[in-house]
Amino acid sequence: LTQKAAKLSRKAAGNVQSDFGRSAKRLLEVVPGVVVTSLSARRSLPLEPGLFECIIVDEASQCDIASAIPLILRAKRLVVIGDPKQLRHISSIAEVTEQKIASDQKATNLLGRYSYRTKSLYDCAAEALEAHGGTPFFLEEHYRSHPEIIEFSNRVYYQRRLVLRTEFDADVEQAIFWHDVPAKMEGSRGSLVNKKEADTVGSLVRKIVSSQTLIELHIA
């Protein structure tokens, strides 16, 4: 509706936006929570201050500050969750361009805290919290990766602060195997071809099928 409204006259567009806002509010009376991305919110939710009691932004270390402002406007309270050890959002704005924009707007002194290029929403929230004597809460329990996979990150980046809660059964037969096939890629245009790897895959499939250990096997 909001996209259609952009192509209508000002009066008609206003009516569509108004209808959209009323419908969205009725939905919120029934649905206790809404899940959107920072970019899709503009098409999904009315731009109204305090629309939600609380907004939770996950993966905030990968969210730029500008994209989060419309979400924050819609919230009475804000919870920011992120990991400063992960990669930030990727900015296509060159440093010299950002410096010029800030200079033109007489906002150079704000770049230290609100730089679009180098600061994520998590950075901004953490620095604001620390400036008022607070400390970000560290979520120490990890449920996702196998201990042998997360061990490196836990040791190098988290000073072994993670408490591993991933459940796995060492007695269960291994379902995934790594087959290292050293080979060179063929072809310089279009899709590359790795004939040795393809031959190895074919050999493994024939071996699995001929073993008859799997019933109704489907291989993709």
Protein backbone atom coordinates (compact mmCIF):
# COMPACT_ATOMS: atom_id res chain seq x y z
CA LEU A 1 0.00 0.00 0.00
CA THR A 2 2.75 2.46 0.87
CA GLN A 3 4.47 1.77 -2.45
CA LYS A 4 1.22 2.37 -4.34
CA ALA A 5 0.62 5.55 -2.37
CA ALA A 6 3.87 6.99 -3.67
CA LYS A 7 2.44 6.92 -7.21
CA LEU A 8 -0.88 8.57 -6.35
CA SER A 9 -1.90 12.18 -5.90
CA ARG A 10 -1.08 13.78 -2.55
CA LYS A 11 -4.68 13.50 -1.30
CA ALA A 12 -5.14 9.89 -2.45
CA ALA A 13 -1.75 8.94 -1.05
CA GLY A 14 -2.70 10.44 2.31
CA ASN A 15 -5.88 8.36 2.40
CA VAL A 16 -3.99 5.16 1.61
CA GLN A 17 -1.40 5.90 4.29
CA SER A 18 -4.15 6.60 6.81
CA ASP A 19 -5.95 3.34 6.01
CA PHE A 20 -2.66 1.47 6.24
CA GLY A 21 -1.97 2.98 9.67
CA ARG A 22 -5.39 2.04 11.04
CA SER A 23 -5.11 -1.52 9.72
CA ALA A 24 -1.64 -1.95 11.20
CA LYS A 25 -2.83 -0.76 14.60
CA ARG A 26 -5.73 -3.23 14.55
CA LEU A 27 -3.25 -5.98 13.76
CA LEU A 28 -1.11 -4.98 16.73
CA GLU A 29 -4.15 -5.33 19.00
CA VAL A 30 -4.27 -9.01 18.06
CA VAL A 31 -0.61 -9.89 17.45
CA PRO A 32 1.65 -9.28 20.47
CA GLY A 33 4.86 -9.11 18.44
CA VAL A 34 6.00 -8.26 14.94
CA VAL A 35 9.20 -9.40 13.23
CA VAL A 36 10.65 -7.16 10.51
CA THR A 37 14.02 -6.12 9.16
CA SER A 38 15.23 -2.56 9.58
CA LEU A 39 14.69 -1.98 5.85
CA SER A 40 11.24 -3.59 5.53
CA ALA A 41 9.75 -1.72 8.51
CA ARG A 42 8.94 1.31 6.36
CA ARG A 43 6.63 -0.81 4.22
CA SER A 44 5.18 -2.79 7.10
CA LEU A 45 4.61 -0.40 10.01
CA PRO A 46 3.23 3.12 10.36
CA LEU A 47 5.86 5.74 11.15
CA GLU A 48 4.35 6.74 14.49
CA PRO A 49 6.23 7.56 17.71
CA GLY A 50 5.80 5.06 20.53
CA LEU A 51 3.92 2.53 18.41
CA PHE A 52 5.54 -0.32 20.37
CA GLU A 53 6.20 -0.68 24.07
CA CYS A 54 9.57 -2.18 23.25
CA ILE A 55 11.65 -2.85 20.15
CA ILE A 56 14.40 -5.47 20.20
CA VAL A 57 17.14 -5.08 17.59
CA ASP A 58 19.09 -8.31 17.15
CA GLU A 59 22.43 -8.49 15.30
CA ALA A 60 22.79 -4.79 16.07
CA SER A 61 26.54 -4.91 15.49
CA GLN A 62 25.69 -5.38 11.80
CA CYS A 63 23.10 -2.58 11.70
CA ASP A 64 24.08 0.97 10.79
CA ILE A 65 22.75 3.76 12.99
CA ALA A 66 20.78 5.54 10.26
CA SER A 67 18.72 2.45 9.41
CA ALA A 68 17.80 2.00 13.07
CA ILE A 69 16.48 5.53 13.66
CA PRO A 70 12.99 4.87 12.17
CA LEU A 71 12.72 1.76 14.36
CA ILE A 72 13.76 3.66 17.48
CA LEU A 73 11.16 6.33 16.75
CA ARG A 74 8.44 3.68 16.90
CA ALA A 75 9.57 2.45 20.33
CA LYS A 76 9.02 3.55 23.91
CA ARG A 77 11.90 1.33 25.01
CA LEU A 78 14.81 -0.19 23.13
CA VAL A 79 16.79 -3.41 23.63
CA VAL A 80 19.97 -3.71 21.58
CA ILE A 81 21.59 -7.13 21.09
CA GLY A 82 24.81 -7.59 19.18
CA ASP A 83 28.35 -8.87 19.13
CA PRO A 84 31.18 -6.35 18.71
CA LYS A 85 33.48 -9.22 17.73
CA GLN A 86 31.50 -9.80 14.54
CA LEU A 87 31.85 -7.84 11.30
CA ARG A 88 30.03 -4.52 11.16
CA HIS A 89 27.76 -3.46 8.32
CA ILE A 90 29.55 -2.82 5.02
CA SER A 91 29.53 0.84 4.03
CA SER A 92 29.96 1.98 0.44
CA ILE A 93 30.63 5.58 1.52
CA ALA A 94 34.29 6.58 1.29
CA GLU A 95 35.88 8.23 4.32
CA VAL A 96 36.53 11.46 2.42
CA THR A 97 32.87 11.58 1.35
CA GLU A 98 31.62 11.15 4.91
CA GLN A 99 34.03 13.81 6.12
CA LYS A 100 32.73 16.25 3.49
CA ILE A 101 29.07 15.57 4.32
CA ALA A 102 29.79 16.07 8.03
CA SER A 103 31.71 19.28 7.31
CA ASP A 104 28.94 20.66 5.09
CA GLN A 105 26.41 19.96 7.85
CA LYS A 106 28.71 21.33 10.57
CA ALA A 107 28.62 17.95 12.29
CA THR A 108 32.27 16.89 12.16
CA ASN A 109 32.35 16.65 15.95
CA LEU A 110 29.67 13.92 15.81
CA LEU A 111 31.63 11.51 13.62
CA GLY A 112 33.45 10.01 16.59
CA ARG A 113 30.20 8.56 17.98
CA TYR A 114 27.85 8.45 15.02
CA SER A 115 29.98 7.70 11.96
CA TYR A 116 27.95 5.80 9.37
CA ARG A 117 31.10 4.08 8.14
CA THR A 118 32.64 2.88 11.39
CA LYS A 119 29.90 2.80 14.04
CA SER A 120 27.13 0.24 14.34
CA LEU A 121 23.95 0.57 16.36
CA TYR A 122 25.55 -1.72 18.95
CA ASP A 123 28.58 0.57 19.21
CA CYS A 124 26.36 3.60 19.67
CA ALA A 125 24.20 1.92 22.34
CA ALA A 126 27.17 0.46 24.23
CA GLU A 127 29.00 3.79 24.32
CA ALA A 128 25.86 5.60 25.50
CA LEU A 129 25.36 3.02 28.25
CA GLU A 130 28.97 3.23 29.39
CA ALA A 131 28.85 7.04 29.37
CA HIS A 132 26.10 6.79 32.01
CA GLY A 133 28.01 4.31 34.17
CA GLY A 134 26.48 1.13 32.76
CA THR A 135 28.04 -1.97 31.22
CA PRO A 136 26.71 -4.10 28.35
CA PHE A 137 25.43 -7.47 29.57
CA PHE A 138 27.46 -10.36 28.19
CA LEU A 139 25.38 -13.32 27.00
CA GLU A 140 27.80 -16.07 27.92
CA GLU A 141 25.83 -19.23 27.10
CA HIS A 142 26.40 -20.65 23.62
CA TYR A 143 23.98 -23.18 22.11
CA ARG A 144 24.79 -23.17 18.39
CA SER A 145 28.13 -24.66 17.38
CA HIS A 146 29.90 -27.91 18.14
CA PRO A 147 32.47 -27.34 20.94
CA GLU A 148 35.34 -28.11 18.57
CA ILE A 149 34.11 -25.39 16.19
CA ILE A 150 33.45 -22.63 18.73
CA GLU A 151 36.62 -23.39 20.71
CA PHE A 152 38.80 -21.19 18.48
CA SER A 153 36.54 -18.14 18.78
CA ASN A 154 36.04 -18.73 22.48
CA ARG A 155 39.80 -18.80 23.06
CA VAL A 156 40.89 -16.03 20.69
CA TYR A 157 38.03 -13.53 20.90
CA TYR A 158 36.09 -14.18 24.11
CA GLN A 159 38.87 -15.07 26.59
CA ARG A 160 37.10 -18.40 27.23
CA ARG A 161 34.12 -16.59 28.74
CA LEU A 162 31.58 -18.58 26.71
CA VAL A 163 29.77 -21.39 28.49
CA LEU A 164 29.12 -24.09 25.89
CA ARG A 165 25.60 -25.53 26.07
CA THR A 166 25.49 -27.23 22.68
CA GLU A 167 24.03 -30.72 23.04
CA PHE A 168 25.54 -33.49 20.96
CA ASP A 169 25.83 -37.24 21.26
CA ALA A 170 29.33 -38.53 20.63
CA ASP A 171 27.99 -42.06 20.22
CA VAL A 172 25.74 -41.18 17.26
CA GLU A 173 27.15 -42.28 13.92
CA GLN A 174 28.76 -39.42 12.05
CA ALA A 175 26.52 -38.10 9.27
CA ILE A 176 28.79 -35.48 7.66
CA PHE A 177 32.30 -36.19 6.39
CA TRP A 178 35.00 -33.95 4.97
CA HIS A 179 36.73 -35.18 1.82
CA ASP A 180 39.69 -33.08 0.77
CA VAL A 181 40.15 -33.21 -3.01
CA PRO A 182 43.19 -31.15 -4.10
CA ALA A 183 42.61 -30.09 -7.69
CA LYS A 184 42.71 -27.15 -10.09
CA MET A 185 39.64 -25.43 -11.50
CA GLU A 186 39.14 -25.60 -15.25
CA GLY A 187 37.64 -22.93 -17.47
CA SER A 188 38.17 -19.17 -17.57
CA ARG A 189 34.65 -18.01 -18.46
CA GLY A 190 31.27 -18.77 -16.99
CA SER A 191 31.02 -21.59 -14.47
CA LEU A 192 34.29 -23.16 -13.41
CA VAL A 193 34.67 -26.95 -13.52
CA ASN A 194 36.47 -29.14 -11.01
CA LYS A 195 36.58 -32.53 -12.77
CA LYS A 196 38.53 -34.30 -10.03
CA GLU A 197 36.02 -33.19 -7.41
CA ALA A 198 33.09 -34.29 -9.61
CA ASP A 199 34.71 -37.70 -10.14
CA THR A 200 35.20 -38.08 -6.39
CA VAL A 201 31.54 -37.22 -5.72
CA GLY A 202 30.45 -39.78 -8.28
CA SER A 203 32.67 -42.43 -6.72
CA LEU A 204 31.30 -41.73 -3.24
CA VAL A 205 27.70 -41.90 -4.46
CA ARG A 206 28.30 -45.25 -6.17
CA LYS A 207 29.94 -46.55 -3.00
CA ILE A 208 26.99 -45.46 -0.83
CA VAL A 209 24.39 -46.90 -3.20
CA SER A 210 26.19 -50.21 -3.60
CA SER A 211 26.57 -50.65 0.16
CA GLN A 212 22.76 -50.97 0.49
CA THR A 213 22.96 -49.69 4.05
CA LEU A 214 20.46 -46.91 3.37
CA ILE A 215 16.86 -47.58 2.41
CA GLU A 216 15.08 -45.27 -0.03
CA LEU A 217 18.19 -43.14 -0.37
CA HIS A 218 17.75 -39.72 -1.94
CA ILE A 219 20.92 -37.91 -2.96
CA ALA A 220 21.01 -34.26 -3.98
